[in-house]
Amino acid sequence: MSRTDDSDASAAQAAQLAEVPLCGSFALVVDELRDKRVCDLGCNDGHYLQFAGPGSLGLDVSQESLRLCHKRGLQATHHDLNQLPLPVSDAAFEVVLLSHVLEHVHAPLAMLRECNRILRPSGKLIIGLPIEDGVYSRLRMDYFGGGEGHLYSFSLRNLNKLLGLTGFVCERTVCHLPRLGNRTSVWNERLHRIFGTRLYSLSAAYWCVARKISSPVADQQLSDYFER
């Protein structure tokens, strides 16, 4: 491929990324989806699913979202994510994407266990979450009383505990900085390289890229706590 072709491909990719929600921060995790078999849980209109590889699948409860996915040529199926188990075979995917879903479902821990079930060994789980306890949310959002329908919030520490209980380990975190995170910019990568998770308190949301390392903790082990 010539330099001109490389330049054209990069420009097309930037234009494609610029059209998706949270594009500035998503640009730092999009490579985890490319050429991979991805299950996008709560796929919405296919904004992120379009970057996944062959054999990928979206699940969503909205018929209008499914229509738009199909219009893009994406495979997507109707399903209410509160109904578990998911209609997906064991170890069927290389990546599972949960973008702003976990804070809405009735049973987050059960959902993470399902993600483990449908992932192949060493598969990746990418979770996008809003931040309740950051400066941005306190100034600009009524986290639980607004129209977003949030049922839960997850701090970095809390999410890491849940990931550990469900057989995952977080490999990296990408914070979504207001304004800057809503557009593609080299500054997103530069600031993360310098400050890392110290950007959390100034951010509106974050992505966690986790890897499957084991089976989830058994139900009995979780219940043992109440018998002490």
Protein backbone atom coordinates (compact mmCIF):
# COMPACT_ATOMS: atom_id res chain seq x y z
CA MET A 1 0.00 0.00 0.00
CA SER A 2 1.36 3.43 -0.96
CA ARG A 3 1.72 6.40 1.37
CA THR A 4 -1.23 7.99 -0.41
CA ASP A 5 -3.35 4.90 0.24
CA ASP A 6 -2.27 4.88 3.91
CA SER A 7 -3.18 8.55 4.22
CA ASP A 8 -6.59 8.00 2.61
CA ALA A 9 -7.28 5.02 4.90
CA SER A 10 -6.32 7.03 7.99
CA ALA A 11 -8.53 9.92 6.92
CA ALA A 12 -11.47 7.57 6.32
CA GLN A 13 -10.95 5.96 9.73
CA ALA A 14 -10.83 9.35 11.45
CA ALA A 15 -14.03 10.40 9.71
CA GLN A 16 -15.74 7.16 10.74
CA LEU A 17 -14.61 7.54 14.35
CA ALA A 18 -15.74 11.17 14.48
CA GLU A 19 -19.35 10.04 13.99
CA VAL A 20 -19.55 7.76 17.03
CA PRO A 21 -20.44 8.62 20.66
CA LEU A 22 -17.49 9.24 23.00
CA CYS A 23 -15.27 9.13 19.92
CA GLY A 24 -12.17 10.66 21.53
CA SER A 25 -11.86 8.03 24.24
CA PHE A 26 -13.28 5.23 22.10
CA ALA A 27 -10.48 5.84 19.61
CA LEU A 28 -8.07 4.54 22.28
CA VAL A 29 -9.88 1.18 22.57
CA VAL A 30 -11.20 0.64 19.03
CA ASP A 31 -8.23 -1.51 18.02
CA GLU A 32 -9.41 -4.13 20.52
CA LEU A 33 -12.42 -4.70 18.22
CA ARG A 34 -10.79 -4.74 14.81
CA ASP A 35 -10.74 -8.12 13.05
CA LYS A 36 -12.16 -9.72 16.21
CA ARG A 37 -15.37 -11.70 16.68
CA VAL A 38 -17.25 -9.30 19.00
CA CYS A 39 -20.51 -9.53 20.92
CA ASP A 40 -21.81 -5.99 21.50
CA LEU A 41 -24.33 -6.16 24.35
CA GLY A 42 -26.63 -3.18 24.02
CA CYS A 43 -25.37 -2.44 20.52
CA ASN A 44 -27.63 0.58 19.97
CA ASP A 45 -27.37 1.73 16.34
CA GLY A 46 -24.16 -0.20 15.67
CA HIS A 47 -21.86 2.77 16.28
CA TYR A 48 -19.19 0.53 17.78
CA LEU A 49 -20.19 -2.79 16.24
CA GLN A 50 -19.26 -1.45 12.80
CA PHE A 51 -15.58 -1.62 13.80
CA ALA A 52 -15.72 -5.33 14.73
CA GLY A 53 -14.63 -8.27 12.62
CA PRO A 54 -16.54 -11.00 10.77
CA GLY A 55 -18.96 -13.11 12.82
CA SER A 56 -19.68 -10.29 15.27
CA LEU A 57 -23.14 -9.88 16.80
CA GLY A 58 -25.11 -7.16 18.51
CA LEU A 59 -27.93 -7.63 21.01
CA ASP A 60 -30.41 -4.86 21.78
CA VAL A 61 -33.98 -4.47 23.01
CA SER A 62 -34.78 -1.57 20.65
CA GLN A 63 -36.33 -2.54 17.33
CA GLU A 64 -35.35 0.82 15.85
CA SER A 65 -31.71 0.26 16.84
CA LEU A 66 -31.81 -3.18 15.24
CA ARG A 67 -33.25 -1.70 12.05
CA LEU A 68 -30.38 0.77 11.85
CA CYS A 69 -27.83 -1.97 12.52
CA HIS A 70 -29.29 -4.07 9.72
CA LYS A 71 -29.22 -1.02 7.44
CA ARG A 72 -25.45 -0.83 8.10
CA GLY A 73 -25.13 -4.49 7.17
CA LEU A 74 -24.47 -5.57 10.77
CA GLN A 75 -25.74 -8.74 12.42
CA ALA A 76 -27.94 -7.84 15.40
CA THR A 77 -30.64 -9.68 17.34
CA HIS A 78 -33.48 -8.58 19.60
CA HIS A 79 -32.93 -9.41 23.26
CA ASP A 80 -33.67 -7.84 26.65
CA LEU A 81 -30.35 -7.92 28.51
CA ASN A 82 -32.19 -8.39 31.82
CA GLN A 83 -33.19 -11.83 30.58
CA LEU A 84 -30.35 -14.22 31.37
CA PRO A 85 -28.79 -16.41 30.15
CA LEU A 86 -28.01 -14.60 26.93
CA PRO A 87 -28.95 -16.39 23.67
CA VAL A 88 -25.27 -16.98 22.86
CA SER A 89 -23.17 -20.16 22.96
CA ASP A 90 -20.32 -20.71 25.42
CA ALA A 91 -16.91 -19.33 24.37
CA ALA A 92 -18.35 -17.93 21.13
CA PHE A 93 -16.54 -14.58 21.03
CA GLU A 94 -13.08 -13.06 21.29
CA VAL A 95 -14.38 -9.75 22.66
CA VAL A 96 -17.48 -8.67 24.55
CA LEU A 97 -18.41 -4.98 24.57
CA LEU A 98 -20.59 -3.44 27.29
CA SER A 99 -20.84 0.26 26.50
CA HIS A 100 -22.93 2.09 29.10
CA VAL A 101 -25.01 -1.00 29.84
CA LEU A 102 -23.82 -2.33 33.20
CA GLU A 103 -25.24 0.66 35.12
CA HIS A 104 -28.70 -0.07 33.66
CA VAL A 105 -29.17 -3.84 34.00
CA HIS A 106 -30.88 -5.35 37.03
CA ALA A 107 -28.07 -7.75 37.99
CA PRO A 108 -24.60 -6.43 37.04
CA LEU A 109 -22.71 -9.30 38.69
CA ALA A 110 -24.79 -11.86 36.81
CA MET A 111 -24.17 -9.97 33.56
CA LEU A 112 -20.40 -10.07 34.09
CA ARG A 113 -20.60 -13.81 34.70
CA GLU A 114 -22.46 -14.19 31.42
CA CYS A 115 -19.73 -12.19 29.68
CA ASN A 116 -17.22 -14.69 31.05
CA ARG A 117 -19.30 -17.61 29.76
CA ILE A 118 -19.55 -16.36 26.18
CA LEU A 119 -15.89 -15.31 25.95
CA ARG A 120 -13.11 -17.57 24.76
CA PRO A 121 -10.13 -18.18 27.09
CA SER A 122 -8.07 -14.98 27.40
CA GLY A 123 -10.85 -13.07 25.61
CA LYS A 124 -11.29 -9.34 26.18
CA LEU A 125 -14.14 -7.56 27.97
CA ILE A 126 -14.49 -3.85 27.21
CA ILE A 127 -16.76 -1.92 29.56
CA GLY A 128 -17.80 1.72 29.18
CA LEU A 129 -19.21 3.37 32.31
CA PRO A 130 -20.29 6.83 33.46
CA ILE A 131 -18.66 8.33 36.55
CA GLU A 132 -20.89 9.37 39.45
CA ASP A 133 -18.26 10.68 41.88
CA GLY A 134 -16.22 12.88 39.54
CA VAL A 135 -16.21 16.68 39.29
CA TYR A 136 -18.03 16.69 35.95
CA SER A 137 -20.96 14.57 37.14
CA ARG A 138 -21.36 16.55 40.35
CA LEU A 139 -21.53 19.82 38.45
CA ARG A 140 -23.39 18.79 35.30
CA MET A 141 -25.51 15.71 36.05
CA ASP A 142 -28.11 14.39 38.45
CA TYR A 143 -26.68 10.88 38.19
CA PHE A 144 -29.56 8.91 39.69
CA GLY A 145 -32.35 11.46 39.33
CA GLY A 146 -31.81 12.44 35.71
CA GLY A 147 -33.26 10.94 32.57
CA GLU A 148 -30.41 8.52 31.91
CA GLY A 149 -32.00 5.70 33.90
CA HIS A 150 -28.91 4.84 35.95
CA LEU A 151 -29.49 2.11 38.55
CA TYR A 152 -25.88 1.67 39.69
CA SER A 153 -22.54 3.45 39.65
CA PHE A 154 -19.11 1.83 39.55
CA SER A 155 -15.90 3.36 40.81
CA LEU A 156 -12.59 1.98 39.58
CA ARG A 157 -12.12 0.10 42.84
CA ASN A 158 -15.64 -1.32 42.81
CA LEU A 159 -15.38 -2.44 39.18
CA ASN A 160 -12.05 -4.14 39.84
CA LYS A 161 -13.61 -6.11 42.70
CA LEU A 162 -16.50 -7.27 40.51
CA LEU A 163 -14.12 -8.19 37.70
CA GLY A 164 -12.06 -10.28 40.12
CA LEU A 165 -15.17 -12.13 41.30
CA THR A 166 -16.22 -12.91 37.73
CA GLY A 167 -12.88 -14.13 36.37
CA PHE A 168 -11.39 -10.99 34.83
CA VAL A 169 -8.45 -8.70 35.37
CA CYS A 170 -8.39 -5.07 34.21
CA GLU A 171 -5.47 -4.46 31.85
CA ARG A 172 -5.96 -0.74 31.22
CA THR A 173 -8.36 2.13 31.82
CA VAL A 174 -9.17 5.00 29.46
CA CYS A 175 -10.89 8.07 30.89
CA HIS A 176 -13.34 10.15 28.88
CA LEU A 177 -12.54 13.81 29.38
CA PRO A 178 -15.43 16.23 28.78
CA ARG A 179 -15.19 18.12 25.48
CA LEU A 180 -11.83 16.59 24.56
CA GLY A 181 -13.29 13.09 24.74
CA ASN A 182 -16.09 14.04 22.38
CA ARG A 183 -13.68 14.53 19.46
CA THR A 184 -10.70 12.69 18.11
CA SER A 185 -7.42 14.32 19.15
CA VAL A 186 -3.82 13.25 19.73
CA TRP A 187 -4.16 14.89 23.15
CA ASN A 188 -6.38 12.05 24.36
CA GLU A 189 -3.53 9.58 24.00
CA ARG A 190 -0.87 12.00 25.26
CA LEU A 191 -2.74 12.90 28.43
CA HIS A 192 -3.45 9.24 29.20
CA ARG A 193 0.19 8.36 28.70
CA ILE A 194 1.24 11.07 31.16
CA PHE A 195 -1.51 10.97 33.80
CA GLY A 196 -3.26 7.60 33.43
CA THR A 197 -6.10 7.01 35.90
CA ARG A 198 -5.32 10.28 37.68
CA LEU A 199 -7.65 11.76 35.04
CA TYR A 200 -10.57 9.83 36.58
CA SER A 201 -11.85 12.55 38.94
CA LEU A 202 -12.00 15.07 36.06
CA SER A 203 -13.72 12.71 33.65
CA ALA A 204 -17.34 12.05 32.75
CA ALA A 205 -16.90 8.35 31.95
CA TYR A 206 -14.28 5.65 31.45
CA TRP A 207 -13.49 2.49 29.53
CA CYS A 208 -12.02 -0.60 31.13
CA VAL A 209 -10.27 -3.18 28.97
CA ALA A 210 -10.23 -6.47 30.92
CA ARG A 211 -9.04 -9.99 30.11
CA LYS A 212 -10.66 -13.30 31.03
CA ILE A 213 -8.27 -15.24 33.27
CA SER A 214 -10.46 -17.81 35.03
CA SER A 215 -13.99 -18.96 35.76
CA PRO A 216 -16.16 -16.78 38.03
CA VAL A 217 -16.18 -17.35 41.78
CA ALA A 218 -18.78 -19.98 42.63
CA ASP A 219 -22.13 -18.91 44.06
CA GLN A 220 -21.36 -20.78 47.28
CA GLN A 221 -18.20 -18.73 47.86
CA LEU A 222 -20.18 -15.52 47.56
CA SER A 223 -22.84 -16.82 49.94
CA ASP A 224 -20.25 -17.92 52.52
CA TYR A 225 -19.80 -14.28 53.58
CA PHE A 226 -23.29 -14.19 55.12
CA GLU A 227 -22.66 -17.33 57.15
CA ARG A 228 -19.72 -15.85 59.07
